[in-house]
Amino acid sequence: MNITNIIVAICSLLFFMIGADKFLLFLEPPCSLTSSIPLIVWKIIGVLQLAAGILIWLPKYRKHVAGFFAVFMLVFTMIHLMEQTYDIGGSAFMAVLLGLLVWNPGFLSRKNK
């Protein structure tokens, strides 16, 4: 298993977790932006994140999904900072991992020996 697959697995798991949380509200503490985002938008974001959890496994779509959500996570990190909320760890972490998938430096494609 190479590093790319590990990053994809982590991102996929996180997409499923945060996407499902938009419907089931199981993460504690909840996102501090929940009350400032309209419910329908929140649900649409959840559906997109659940779809991304699947599509990121398909090499044909991986860079597109990773690129879109890297920017998406950076935007939400900035929104958190502008709203002076600091629960940005998840979005910043995912932005970095997704950025690695888009950039695809050499160490990601080498096989572990």
PDB file of N, CA and C in Angstrom:
ATOM      1  N   MET A   1       0.859  -1.185   0.000  1.00  0.00           N
ATOM      2  CA  MET A   1       0.000   0.000   0.000  1.00  0.00           C
ATOM      3  C   MET A   1       0.895   1.234   0.000  1.00  0.00           C
ATOM      4  N   ASN A   2       0.607   2.155  -0.904  1.00  0.00           N
ATOM      5  CA  ASN A   2       1.434   3.359  -0.948  1.00  0.00           C
ATOM      6  C   ASN A   2       0.791   4.501  -0.160  1.00  0.00           C
ATOM      7  N   ILE A   3       1.525   5.571  -0.025  1.00  0.00           N
ATOM      8  CA  ILE A   3       1.088   6.713   0.784  1.00  0.00           C
ATOM      9  C   ILE A   3      -0.171   7.350   0.205  1.00  0.00           C
ATOM     10  N   THR A   4      -0.300   7.370  -1.124  1.00  0.00           N
ATOM     11  CA  THR A   4      -1.490   7.947  -1.746  1.00  0.00           C
ATOM     12  C   THR A   4      -2.742   7.235  -1.254  1.00  0.00           C
ATOM     13  N   ASN A   5      -2.705   5.916  -1.228  1.00  0.00           N
ATOM     14  CA  ASN A   5      -3.882   5.160  -0.777  1.00  0.00           C
ATOM     15  C   ASN A   5      -4.198   5.423   0.686  1.00  0.00           C
ATOM     16  N   ILE A   6      -3.183   5.619   1.493  1.00  0.00           N
ATOM     17  CA  ILE A   6      -3.403   5.930   2.906  1.00  0.00           C
ATOM     18  C   ILE A   6      -4.073   7.294   3.045  1.00  0.00           C
ATOM     19  N   ILE A   7      -3.592   8.285   2.295  1.00  0.00           N
ATOM     20  CA  ILE A   7      -4.189   9.625   2.338  1.00  0.00           C
ATOM     21  C   ILE A   7      -5.620   9.583   1.814  1.00  0.00           C
ATOM     22  N   VAL A   8      -5.851   8.834   0.731  1.00  0.00           N
ATOM     23  CA  VAL A   8      -7.207   8.701   0.191  1.00  0.00           C
ATOM     24  C   VAL A   8      -8.127   8.061   1.226  1.00  0.00           C
ATOM     25  N   ALA A   9      -7.646   7.030   1.914  1.00  0.00           N
ATOM     26  CA  ALA A   9      -8.460   6.355   2.930  1.00  0.00           C
ATOM     27  C   ALA A   9      -8.810   7.302   4.080  1.00  0.00           C
ATOM     28  N   ILE A  10      -7.842   8.059   4.537  1.00  0.00           N
ATOM     29  CA  ILE A  10      -8.093   9.017   5.624  1.00  0.00           C
ATOM     30  C   ILE A  10      -9.106  10.068   5.174  1.00  0.00           C
ATOM     31  N   CYS A  11      -8.907  10.628   3.973  1.00  0.00           N
ATOM     32  CA  CYS A  11      -9.827  11.656   3.463  1.00  0.00           C
ATOM     33  C   CYS A  11     -11.228  11.074   3.268  1.00  0.00           C
ATOM     34  N   SER A  12     -11.310   9.865   2.743  1.00  0.00           N
ATOM     35  CA  SER A  12     -12.605   9.232   2.530  1.00  0.00           C
ATOM     36  C   SER A  12     -13.341   9.049   3.851  1.00  0.00           C
ATOM     37  N   LEU A  13     -12.634   8.548   4.843  1.00  0.00           N
ATOM     38  CA  LEU A  13     -13.237   8.360   6.166  1.00  0.00           C
ATOM     39  C   LEU A  13     -13.714   9.695   6.742  1.00  0.00           C
ATOM     40  N   LEU A  14     -12.885  10.725   6.614  1.00  0.00           N
ATOM     41  CA  LEU A  14     -13.264  12.051   7.115  1.00  0.00           C
ATOM     42  C   LEU A  14     -14.456  12.618   6.355  1.00  0.00           C
ATOM     43  N   PHE A  15     -14.494  12.420   5.023  1.00  0.00           N
ATOM     44  CA  PHE A  15     -15.640  12.877   4.238  1.00  0.00           C
ATOM     45  C   PHE A  15     -16.925  12.198   4.710  1.00  0.00           C
ATOM     46  N   PHE A  16     -16.871  10.881   4.917  1.00  0.00           N
ATOM     47  CA  PHE A  16     -18.055  10.165   5.393  1.00  0.00           C
ATOM     48  C   PHE A  16     -18.479  10.667   6.771  1.00  0.00           C
ATOM     49  N   MET A  17     -17.498  10.881   7.633  1.00  0.00           N
ATOM     50  CA  MET A  17     -17.800  11.308   8.999  1.00  0.00           C
ATOM     51  C   MET A  17     -18.423  12.704   9.024  1.00  0.00           C
ATOM     52  N   ILE A  18     -17.790  13.672   8.355  1.00  0.00           N
ATOM     53  CA  ILE A  18     -18.319  15.029   8.416  1.00  0.00           C
ATOM     54  C   ILE A  18     -19.574  15.187   7.559  1.00  0.00           C
ATOM     55  N   GLY A  19     -19.686  14.394   6.480  1.00  0.00           N
ATOM     56  CA  GLY A  19     -20.908  14.432   5.675  1.00  0.00           C
ATOM     57  C   GLY A  19     -22.092  13.870   6.440  1.00  0.00           C
ATOM     58  N   ALA A  20     -21.894  12.737   7.111  1.00  0.00           N
ATOM     59  CA  ALA A  20     -22.971  12.129   7.903  1.00  0.00           C
ATOM     60  C   ALA A  20     -23.353  13.016   9.086  1.00  0.00           C
ATOM     61  N   ASP A  21     -22.377  13.726   9.637  1.00  0.00           N
ATOM     62  CA  ASP A  21     -22.669  14.608  10.762  1.00  0.00           C
ATOM     63  C   ASP A  21     -23.627  15.731  10.383  1.00  0.00           C
ATOM     64  N   LYS A  22     -23.670  16.104   9.123  1.00  0.00           N
ATOM     65  CA  LYS A  22     -24.595  17.150   8.676  1.00  0.00           C
ATOM     66  C   LYS A  22     -26.047  16.703   8.843  1.00  0.00           C
ATOM     67  N   PHE A  23     -26.274  15.384   8.904  1.00  0.00           N
ATOM     68  CA  PHE A  23     -27.620  14.840   9.048  1.00  0.00           C
ATOM     69  C   PHE A  23     -27.874  14.286  10.449  1.00  0.00           C
ATOM     70  N   LEU A  24     -26.852  13.679  11.061  1.00  0.00           N
ATOM     71  CA  LEU A  24     -27.046  12.970  12.327  1.00  0.00           C
ATOM     72  C   LEU A  24     -26.566  13.737  13.554  1.00  0.00           C
ATOM     73  N   LEU A  25     -25.762  14.773  13.346  1.00  0.00           N
ATOM     74  CA  LEU A  25     -25.262  15.637  14.420  1.00  0.00           C
ATOM     75  C   LEU A  25     -24.664  14.842  15.588  1.00  0.00           C
ATOM     76  N   PHE A  26     -23.657  14.042  15.290  1.00  0.00           N
ATOM     77  CA  PHE A  26     -23.037  13.219  16.325  1.00  0.00           C
ATOM     78  C   PHE A  26     -21.665  13.705  16.776  1.00  0.00           C
ATOM     79  N   LEU A  27     -21.042  14.607  16.045  1.00  0.00           N
ATOM     80  CA  LEU A  27     -19.719  15.092  16.434  1.00  0.00           C
ATOM     81  C   LEU A  27     -19.848  16.114  17.558  1.00  0.00           C
ATOM     82  N   GLU A  28     -18.977  15.994  18.534  1.00  0.00           N
ATOM     83  CA  GLU A  28     -18.968  16.926  19.669  1.00  0.00           C
ATOM     84  C   GLU A  28     -17.595  17.551  19.797  1.00  0.00           C
ATOM     85  N   PRO A  29     -17.463  18.814  19.963  1.00  0.00           N
ATOM     86  CA  PRO A  29     -18.546  19.791  19.885  1.00  0.00           C
ATOM     87  C   PRO A  29     -18.966  19.986  18.435  1.00  0.00           C
ATOM     88  N   PRO A  30     -20.205  20.414  18.201  1.00  0.00           N
ATOM     89  CA  PRO A  30     -20.649  20.645  16.827  1.00  0.00           C
ATOM     90  C   PRO A  30     -19.902  21.829  16.210  1.00  0.00           C
ATOM     91  N   CYS A  31     -19.902  21.871  14.900  1.00  0.00           N
ATOM     92  CA  CYS A  31     -19.259  22.978  14.188  1.00  0.00           C
ATOM     93  C   CYS A  31     -19.870  24.295  14.652  1.00  0.00           C
ATOM     94  N   SER A  32     -19.031  25.257  14.934  1.00  0.00           N
ATOM     95  CA  SER A  32     -19.506  26.557  15.431  1.00  0.00           C
ATOM     96  C   SER A  32     -20.229  27.363  14.352  1.00  0.00           C
ATOM     97  N   LEU A  33     -20.130  26.949  13.092  1.00  0.00           N
ATOM     98  CA  LEU A  33     -20.821  27.663  12.012  1.00  0.00           C
ATOM     99  C   LEU A  33     -22.214  27.097  11.739  1.00  0.00           C
ATOM    100  N   THR A  34     -22.598  26.041  12.426  1.00  0.00           N
ATOM    101  CA  THR A  34     -23.882  25.381  12.171  1.00  0.00           C
ATOM    102  C   THR A  34     -25.047  26.360  12.190  1.00  0.00           C
ATOM    103  N   SER A  35     -25.090  27.238  13.155  1.00  0.00           N
ATOM    104  CA  SER A  35     -26.226  28.158  13.273  1.00  0.00           C
ATOM    105  C   SER A  35     -26.181  29.299  12.256  1.00  0.00           C
ATOM    106  N   SER A  36     -25.029  29.556  11.642  1.00  0.00           N
ATOM    107  CA  SER A  36     -24.939  30.674  10.698  1.00  0.00           C
ATOM    108  C   SER A  36     -25.070  30.240   9.238  1.00  0.00           C
ATOM    109  N   ILE A  37     -25.228  28.942   8.992  1.00  0.00           N
ATOM    110  CA  ILE A  37     -25.386  28.433   7.626  1.00  0.00           C
ATOM    111  C   ILE A  37     -26.808  27.898   7.496  1.00  0.00           C
ATOM    112  N   PRO A  38     -27.551  28.304   6.436  1.00  0.00           N
ATOM    113  CA  PRO A  38     -28.912  27.800   6.259  1.00  0.00           C
ATOM    114  C   PRO A  38     -28.935  26.263   6.212  1.00  0.00           C
ATOM    115  N   LEU A  39     -29.976  25.675   6.780  1.00  0.00           N
ATOM    116  CA  LEU A  39     -30.088  24.223   6.899  1.00  0.00           C
ATOM    117  C   LEU A  39     -29.982  23.524   5.550  1.00  0.00           C
ATOM    118  N   ILE A  40     -30.625  24.056   4.520  1.00  0.00           N
ATOM    119  CA  ILE A  40     -30.579  23.411   3.198  1.00  0.00           C
ATOM    120  C   ILE A  40     -29.153  23.403   2.647  1.00  0.00           C
ATOM    121  N   VAL A  41     -28.423  24.492   2.851  1.00  0.00           N
ATOM    122  CA  VAL A  41     -27.025  24.552   2.407  1.00  0.00           C
ATOM    123  C   VAL A  41     -26.199  23.528   3.184  1.00  0.00           C
ATOM    124  N   TRP A  42     -26.458  23.418   4.475  1.00  0.00           N
ATOM    125  CA  TRP A  42     -25.756  22.457   5.335  1.00  0.00           C
ATOM    126  C   TRP A  42     -25.975  21.036   4.818  1.00  0.00           C
ATOM    127  N   LYS A  43     -27.219  20.710   4.433  1.00  0.00           N
ATOM    128  CA  LYS A  43     -27.550  19.375   3.922  1.00  0.00           C
ATOM    129  C   LYS A  43     -26.898  19.131   2.560  1.00  0.00           C
ATOM    130  N   ILE A  44     -26.885  20.142   1.708  1.00  0.00           N
ATOM    131  CA  ILE A  44     -26.238  20.007   0.391  1.00  0.00           C
ATOM    132  C   ILE A  44     -24.747  19.744   0.567  1.00  0.00           C
ATOM    133  N   ILE A  45     -24.118  20.460   1.480  1.00  0.00           N
ATOM    134  CA  ILE A  45     -22.700  20.239   1.767  1.00  0.00           C
ATOM    135  C   ILE A  45     -22.491  18.805   2.251  1.00  0.00           C
ATOM    136  N   GLY A  46     -23.389  18.307   3.098  1.00  0.00           N
ATOM    137  CA  GLY A  46     -23.294  16.937   3.586  1.00  0.00           C
ATOM    138  C   GLY A  46     -23.366  15.918   2.461  1.00  0.00           C
ATOM    139  N   VAL A  47     -24.289  16.119   1.524  1.00  0.00           N
ATOM    140  CA  VAL A  47     -24.415  15.211   0.379  1.00  0.00           C
ATOM    141  C   VAL A  47     -23.140  15.249  -0.459  1.00  0.00           C
ATOM    142  N   LEU A  48     -22.615  16.453  -0.705  1.00  0.00           N
ATOM    143  CA  LEU A  48     -21.371  16.584  -1.478  1.00  0.00           C
ATOM    144  C   LEU A  48     -20.214  15.869  -0.784  1.00  0.00           C
ATOM    145  N   GLN A  49     -20.134  15.988   0.525  1.00  0.00           N
ATOM    146  CA  GLN A  49     -19.054  15.340   1.264  1.00  0.00           C
ATOM    147  C   GLN A  49     -19.201  13.822   1.245  1.00  0.00           C
ATOM    148  N   LEU A  50     -20.419  13.319   1.352  1.00  0.00           N
ATOM    149  CA  LEU A  50     -20.632  11.875   1.262  1.00  0.00           C
ATOM    150  C   LEU A  50     -20.261  11.352  -0.129  1.00  0.00           C
ATOM    151  N   ALA A  51     -20.643  12.096  -1.167  1.00  0.00           N
ATOM    152  CA  ALA A  51     -20.280  11.709  -2.534  1.00  0.00           C
ATOM    153  C   ALA A  51     -18.762  11.743  -2.717  1.00  0.00           C
ATOM    154  N   ALA A  52     -18.110  12.748  -2.137  1.00  0.00           N
ATOM    155  CA  ALA A  52     -16.650  12.853  -2.240  1.00  0.00           C
ATOM    156  C   ALA A  52     -15.968  11.664  -1.576  1.00  0.00           C
ATOM    157  N   GLY A  53     -16.552  11.146  -0.498  1.00  0.00           N
ATOM    158  CA  GLY A  53     -15.993   9.989   0.185  1.00  0.00           C
ATOM    159  C   GLY A  53     -15.911   8.765  -0.708  1.00  0.00           C
ATOM    160  N   ILE A  54     -16.813   8.693  -1.684  1.00  0.00           N
ATOM    161  CA  ILE A  54     -16.800   7.594  -2.655  1.00  0.00           C
ATOM    162  C   ILE A  54     -15.929   7.951  -3.861  1.00  0.00           C
ATOM    163  N   LEU A  55     -16.159   9.126  -4.424  1.00  0.00           N
ATOM    164  CA  LEU A  55     -15.479   9.514  -5.666  1.00  0.00           C
ATOM    165  C   LEU A  55     -13.971   9.647  -5.525  1.00  0.00           C
ATOM    166  N   ILE A  56     -13.482   9.941  -4.328  1.00  0.00           N
ATOM    167  CA  ILE A  56     -12.044  10.120  -4.151  1.00  0.00           C
ATOM    168  C   ILE A  56     -11.280   8.811  -4.387  1.00  0.00           C
ATOM    169  N   TRP A  57     -11.975   7.679  -4.293  1.00  0.00           N
ATOM    170  CA  TRP A  57     -11.341   6.376  -4.553  1.00  0.00           C
ATOM    171  C   TRP A  57     -11.156   6.107  -6.040  1.00  0.00           C
ATOM    172  N   LEU A  58     -11.870   6.824  -6.891  1.00  0.00           N
ATOM    173  CA  LEU A  58     -11.782   6.600  -8.333  1.00  0.00           C
ATOM    174  C   LEU A  58     -10.694   7.492  -8.924  1.00  0.00           C
ATOM    175  N   PRO A  59      -9.613   6.883  -9.423  1.00  0.00           N
ATOM    176  CA  PRO A  59      -8.483   7.685  -9.924  1.00  0.00           C
ATOM    177  C   PRO A  59      -8.899   8.734 -10.963  1.00  0.00           C
ATOM    178  N   LYS A  60      -9.920   8.440 -11.746  1.00  0.00           N
ATOM    179  CA  LYS A  60     -10.376   9.377 -12.779  1.00  0.00           C
ATOM    180  C   LYS A  60     -10.875  10.692 -12.169  1.00  0.00           C
ATOM    181  N   TYR A  61     -11.477  10.627 -10.979  1.00  0.00           N
ATOM    182  CA  TYR A  61     -12.069  11.806 -10.347  1.00  0.00           C
ATOM    183  C   TYR A  61     -11.263  12.344  -9.175  1.00  0.00           C
ATOM    184  N   ARG A  62     -10.246  11.632  -8.753  1.00  0.00           N
ATOM    185  CA  ARG A  62      -9.524  11.961  -7.514  1.00  0.00           C
ATOM    186  C   ARG A  62      -8.996  13.392  -7.493  1.00  0.00           C
ATOM    187  N   LYS A  63      -8.308  13.812  -8.553  1.00  0.00           N
ATOM    188  CA  LYS A  63      -7.728  15.169  -8.543  1.00  0.00           C
ATOM    189  C   LYS A  63      -8.807  16.245  -8.531  1.00  0.00           C
ATOM    190  N   HIS A  64      -9.905  15.991  -9.226  1.00  0.00           N
ATOM    191  CA  HIS A  64     -10.993  16.974  -9.254  1.00  0.00           C
ATOM    192  C   HIS A  64     -11.644  17.099  -7.878  1.00  0.00           C
ATOM    193  N   VAL A  65     -11.930  15.963  -7.262  1.00  0.00           N
ATOM    194  CA  VAL A  65     -12.529  15.968  -5.928  1.00  0.00           C
ATOM    195  C   VAL A  65     -11.568  16.610  -4.933  1.00  0.00           C
ATOM    196  N   ALA A  66     -10.311  16.188  -4.972  1.00  0.00           N
ATOM    197  CA  ALA A  66      -9.312  16.715  -4.035  1.00  0.00           C
ATOM    198  C   ALA A  66      -9.111  18.216  -4.248  1.00  0.00           C
ATOM    199  N   GLY A  67      -9.040  18.657  -5.493  1.00  0.00           N
ATOM    200  CA  GLY A  67      -8.845  20.083  -5.775  1.00  0.00           C
ATOM    201  C   GLY A  67     -10.019  20.923  -5.309  1.00  0.00           C
ATOM    202  N   PHE A  68     -11.229  20.476  -5.628  1.00  0.00           N
ATOM    203  CA  PHE A  68     -12.419  21.217  -5.222  1.00  0.00           C
ATOM    204  C   PHE A  68     -12.494  21.322  -3.702  1.00  0.00           C
ATOM    205  N   PHE A  69     -12.323  20.195  -3.014  1.00  0.00           N
ATOM    206  CA  PHE A  69     -12.481  20.213  -1.569  1.00  0.00           C
ATOM    207  C   PHE A  69     -11.271  20.804  -0.841  1.00  0.00           C
ATOM    208  N   ALA A  70     -10.097  20.823  -1.455  1.00  0.00           N
ATOM    209  CA  ALA A  70      -8.961  21.524  -0.839  1.00  0.00           C
ATOM    210  C   ALA A  70      -9.295  23.014  -0.756  1.00  0.00           C
ATOM    211  N   VAL A  71      -9.808  23.562  -1.861  1.00  0.00           N
ATOM    212  CA  VAL A  71     -10.211  24.975  -1.876  1.00  0.00           C
ATOM    213  C   VAL A  71     -11.394  25.190  -0.927  1.00  0.00           C
ATOM    214  N   PHE A  72     -12.363  24.295  -0.968  1.00  0.00           N
ATOM    215  CA  PHE A  72     -13.542  24.357  -0.099  1.00  0.00           C
ATOM    216  C   PHE A  72     -13.125  24.407   1.366  1.00  0.00           C
ATOM    217  N   MET A  73     -12.207  23.525   1.772  1.00  0.00           N
ATOM    218  CA  MET A  73     -11.759  23.476   3.168  1.00  0.00           C
ATOM    219  C   MET A  73     -10.975  24.735   3.537  1.00  0.00           C
ATOM    220  N   LEU A  74     -10.182  25.249   2.615  1.00  0.00           N
ATOM    221  CA  LEU A  74      -9.458  26.492   2.888  1.00  0.00           C
ATOM    222  C   LEU A  74     -10.429  27.660   3.062  1.00  0.00           C
ATOM    223  N   VAL A  75     -11.467  27.702   2.236  1.00  0.00           N
ATOM    224  CA  VAL A  75     -12.470  28.768   2.354  1.00  0.00           C
ATOM    225  C   VAL A  75     -13.151  28.686   3.711  1.00  0.00           C
ATOM    226  N   PHE A  76     -13.530  27.478   4.125  1.00  0.00           N
ATOM    227  CA  PHE A  76     -14.198  27.358   5.423  1.00  0.00           C
ATOM    228  C   PHE A  76     -13.238  27.620   6.584  1.00  0.00           C
ATOM    229  N   THR A  77     -11.978  27.343   6.405  1.00  0.00           N
ATOM    230  CA  THR A  77     -10.994  27.712   7.424  1.00  0.00           C
ATOM    231  C   THR A  77     -10.949  29.229   7.564  1.00  0.00           C
ATOM    232  N   MET A  78     -10.968  29.930   6.430  1.00  0.00           N
ATOM    233  CA  MET A  78     -10.945  31.398   6.459  1.00  0.00           C
ATOM    234  C   MET A  78     -12.241  31.948   7.060  1.00  0.00           C
ATOM    235  N   ILE A  79     -13.377  31.339   6.734  1.00  0.00           N
ATOM    236  CA  ILE A  79     -14.645  31.791   7.309  1.00  0.00           C
ATOM    237  C   ILE A  79     -14.613  31.636   8.830  1.00  0.00           C
ATOM    238  N   HIS A  80     -14.105  30.503   9.309  1.00  0.00           N
ATOM    239  CA  HIS A  80     -13.969  30.314  10.757  1.00  0.00           C
ATOM    240  C   HIS A  80     -13.115  31.428  11.371  1.00  0.00           C
ATOM    241  N   LEU A  81     -12.004  31.735  10.736  1.00  0.00           N
ATOM    242  CA  LEU A  81     -11.124  32.773  11.264  1.00  0.00           C
ATOM    243  C   LEU A  81     -11.799  34.147  11.242  1.00  0.00           C
ATOM    244  N   MET A  82     -12.544  34.447  10.166  1.00  0.00           N
ATOM    245  CA  MET A  82     -13.241  35.737  10.090  1.00  0.00           C
ATOM    246  C   MET A  82     -14.356  35.832  11.121  1.00  0.00           C
ATOM    247  N   GLU A  83     -15.001  34.714  11.421  1.00  0.00           N
ATOM    248  CA  GLU A  83     -16.064  34.689  12.432  1.00  0.00           C
ATOM    249  C   GLU A  83     -15.493  34.584  13.846  1.00  0.00           C
ATOM    250  N   GLN A  84     -14.181  34.527  13.934  1.00  0.00           N
ATOM    251  CA  GLN A  84     -13.457  34.398  15.200  1.00  0.00           C
ATOM    252  C   GLN A  84     -13.841  33.135  15.963  1.00  0.00           C
ATOM    253  N   THR A  85     -14.046  32.057  15.198  1.00  0.00           N
ATOM    254  CA  THR A  85     -14.199  30.731  15.783  1.00  0.00           C
ATOM    255  C   THR A  85     -12.937  29.965  15.416  1.00  0.00           C
ATOM    256  N   TYR A  86     -12.527  29.092  16.251  1.00  0.00           N
ATOM    257  CA  TYR A  86     -11.232  28.472  16.019  1.00  0.00           C
ATOM    258  C   TYR A  86     -11.297  26.955  15.958  1.00  0.00           C
ATOM    259  N   ASP A  87     -12.454  26.399  15.637  1.00  0.00           N
ATOM    260  CA  ASP A  87     -12.546  24.960  15.437  1.00  0.00           C
ATOM    261  C   ASP A  87     -12.233  24.637  13.969  1.00  0.00           C
ATOM    262  N   ILE A  88     -10.997  24.959  13.603  1.00  0.00           N
ATOM    263  CA  ILE A  88     -10.567  24.846  12.203  1.00  0.00           C
ATOM    264  C   ILE A  88      -9.636  23.670  11.958  1.00  0.00           C
ATOM    265  N   GLY A  89      -9.356  22.904  12.991  1.00  0.00           N
ATOM    266  CA  GLY A  89      -8.387  21.812  12.861  1.00  0.00           C
ATOM    267  C   GLY A  89      -8.733  20.819  11.768  1.00  0.00           C
ATOM    268  N   GLY A  90      -9.994  20.403  11.727  1.00  0.00           N
ATOM    269  CA  GLY A  90     -10.413  19.412  10.730  1.00  0.00           C
ATOM    270  C   GLY A  90     -10.305  19.935   9.313  1.00  0.00           C
ATOM    271  N   SER A  91     -10.798  21.147   9.091  1.00  0.00           N
ATOM    272  CA  SER A  91     -10.762  21.692   7.731  1.00  0.00           C
ATOM    273  C   SER A  91      -9.331  21.992   7.284  1.00  0.00           C
ATOM    274  N   ALA A  92      -8.504  22.476   8.185  1.00  0.00           N
ATOM    275  CA  ALA A  92      -7.106  22.755   7.823  1.00  0.00           C
ATOM    276  C   ALA A  92      -6.354  21.455   7.530  1.00  0.00           C
ATOM    277  N   PHE A  93      -6.579  20.427   8.358  1.00  0.00           N
ATOM    278  CA  PHE A  93      -5.940  19.129   8.159  1.00  0.00           C
ATOM    279  C   PHE A  93      -6.353  18.525   6.818  1.00  0.00           C
ATOM    280  N   MET A  94      -7.650  18.556   6.529  1.00  0.00           N
ATOM    281  CA  MET A  94      -8.112  18.001   5.254  1.00  0.00           C
ATOM    282  C   MET A  94      -7.609  18.807   4.064  1.00  0.00           C
ATOM    283  N   ALA A  95      -7.534  20.119   4.206  1.00  0.00           N
ATOM    284  CA  ALA A  95      -7.022  20.945   3.108  1.00  0.00           C
ATOM    285  C   ALA A  95      -5.590  20.547   2.768  1.00  0.00           C
ATOM    286  N   VAL A  96      -4.786  20.272   3.786  1.00  0.00           N
ATOM    287  CA  VAL A  96      -3.396  19.859   3.550  1.00  0.00           C
ATOM    288  C   VAL A  96      -3.354  18.493   2.862  1.00  0.00           C
ATOM    289  N   LEU A  97      -4.118  17.522   3.382  1.00  0.00           N
ATOM    290  CA  LEU A  97      -4.118  16.186   2.776  1.00  0.00           C
ATOM    291  C   LEU A  97      -4.632  16.222   1.339  1.00  0.00           C
ATOM    292  N   LEU A  98      -5.716  16.944   1.108  1.00  0.00           N
ATOM    293  CA  LEU A  98      -6.255  17.044  -0.245  1.00  0.00           C
ATOM    294  C   LEU A  98      -5.303  17.796  -1.168  1.00  0.00           C
ATOM    295  N   GLY A  99      -4.630  18.810  -0.626  1.00  0.00           N
ATOM    296  CA  GLY A  99      -3.621  19.524  -1.413  1.00  0.00           C
ATOM    297  C   GLY A  99      -2.492  18.604  -1.846  1.00  0.00           C
ATOM    298  N   LEU A 100      -2.106  17.682  -0.980  1.00  0.00           N
ATOM    299  CA  LEU A 100      -1.081  16.701  -1.352  1.00  0.00           C
ATOM    300  C   LEU A 100      -1.553  15.816  -2.503  1.00  0.00           C
ATOM    301  N   LEU A 101      -2.816  15.428  -2.478  1.00  0.00           N
ATOM    302  CA  LEU A 101      -3.339  14.598  -3.568  1.00  0.00           C
ATOM    303  C   LEU A 101      -3.370  15.354  -4.895  1.00  0.00           C
ATOM    304  N   VAL A 102      -3.645  16.642  -4.831  1.00  0.00           N
ATOM    305  CA  VAL A 102      -3.657  17.448  -6.059  1.00  0.00           C
ATOM    306  C   VAL A 102      -2.244  17.672  -6.554  1.00  0.00           C
ATOM    307  N   TRP A 103      -1.355  18.052  -5.656  1.00  0.00           N
ATOM    308  CA  TRP A 103       0.034  18.354  -6.011  1.00  0.00           C
ATOM    309  C   TRP A 103       0.759  17.088  -6.442  1.00  0.00           C
ATOM    310  N   ASN A 104       0.515  15.979  -5.755  1.00  0.00           N
ATOM    311  CA  ASN A 104       1.089  14.672  -6.035  1.00  0.00           C
ATOM    312  C   ASN A 104       2.617  14.691  -6.137  1.00  0.00           C
ATOM    313  N   PRO A 105       3.282  15.060  -5.047  1.00  0.00           N
ATOM    314  CA  PRO A 105       4.743  15.024  -5.070  1.00  0.00           C
ATOM    315  C   PRO A 105       5.249  13.588  -5.211  1.00  0.00           C
ATOM    316  N   GLY A 106       6.490  13.442  -5.595  1.00  0.00           N
ATOM    317  CA  GLY A 106       7.072  12.132  -5.885  1.00  0.00           C
ATOM    318  C   GLY A 106       6.945  11.113  -4.778  1.00  0.00           C
ATOM    319  N   PHE A 107       7.033  11.546  -3.519  1.00  0.00           N
ATOM    320  CA  PHE A 107       6.987  10.565  -2.441  1.00  0.00           C
ATOM    321  C   PHE A 107       5.627   9.882  -2.325  1.00  0.00           C
ATOM    322  N   LEU A 108       4.571  10.463  -2.913  1.00  0.00           N
ATOM    323  CA  LEU A 108       3.265   9.826  -2.841  1.00  0.00           C
ATOM    324  C   LEU A 108       3.154   8.623  -3.769  1.00  0.00           C
ATOM    325  N   SER A 109       3.875   8.637  -4.861  1.00  0.00           N
ATOM    326  CA  SER A 109       3.710   7.563  -5.844  1.00  0.00           C
ATOM    327  C   SER A 109       4.733   6.444  -5.705  1.00  0.00           C
ATOM    328  N   ARG A 110       5.708   6.598  -4.831  1.00  0.00           N
ATOM    329  CA  ARG A 110       6.684   5.529  -4.625  1.00  0.00           C
ATOM    330  C   ARG A 110       6.058   4.401  -3.840  1.00  0.00           C
ATOM    331  N   LYS A 111       6.415   3.205  -4.207  1.00  0.00           N
ATOM    332  CA  LYS A 111       5.920   2.023  -3.483  1.00  0.00           C
ATOM    333  C   LYS A 111       6.771   1.814  -2.243  1.00  0.00           C
ATOM    334  N   ASN A 112       6.108   1.407  -1.148  1.00  0.00           N
ATOM    335  CA  ASN A 112       6.852   1.039   0.055  1.00  0.00           C
ATOM    336  C   ASN A 112       7.528  -0.294  -0.178  1.00  0.00           C
ATOM    337  N   LYS A 113       8.770  -0.424   0.261  1.00  0.00           N
ATOM    338  CA  LYS A 113       9.494  -1.674   0.042  1.00  0.00           C
ATOM    339  C   LYS A 113       9.686  -2.413   1.330  1.00  0.00           C
TER     340      LYS A 113
END
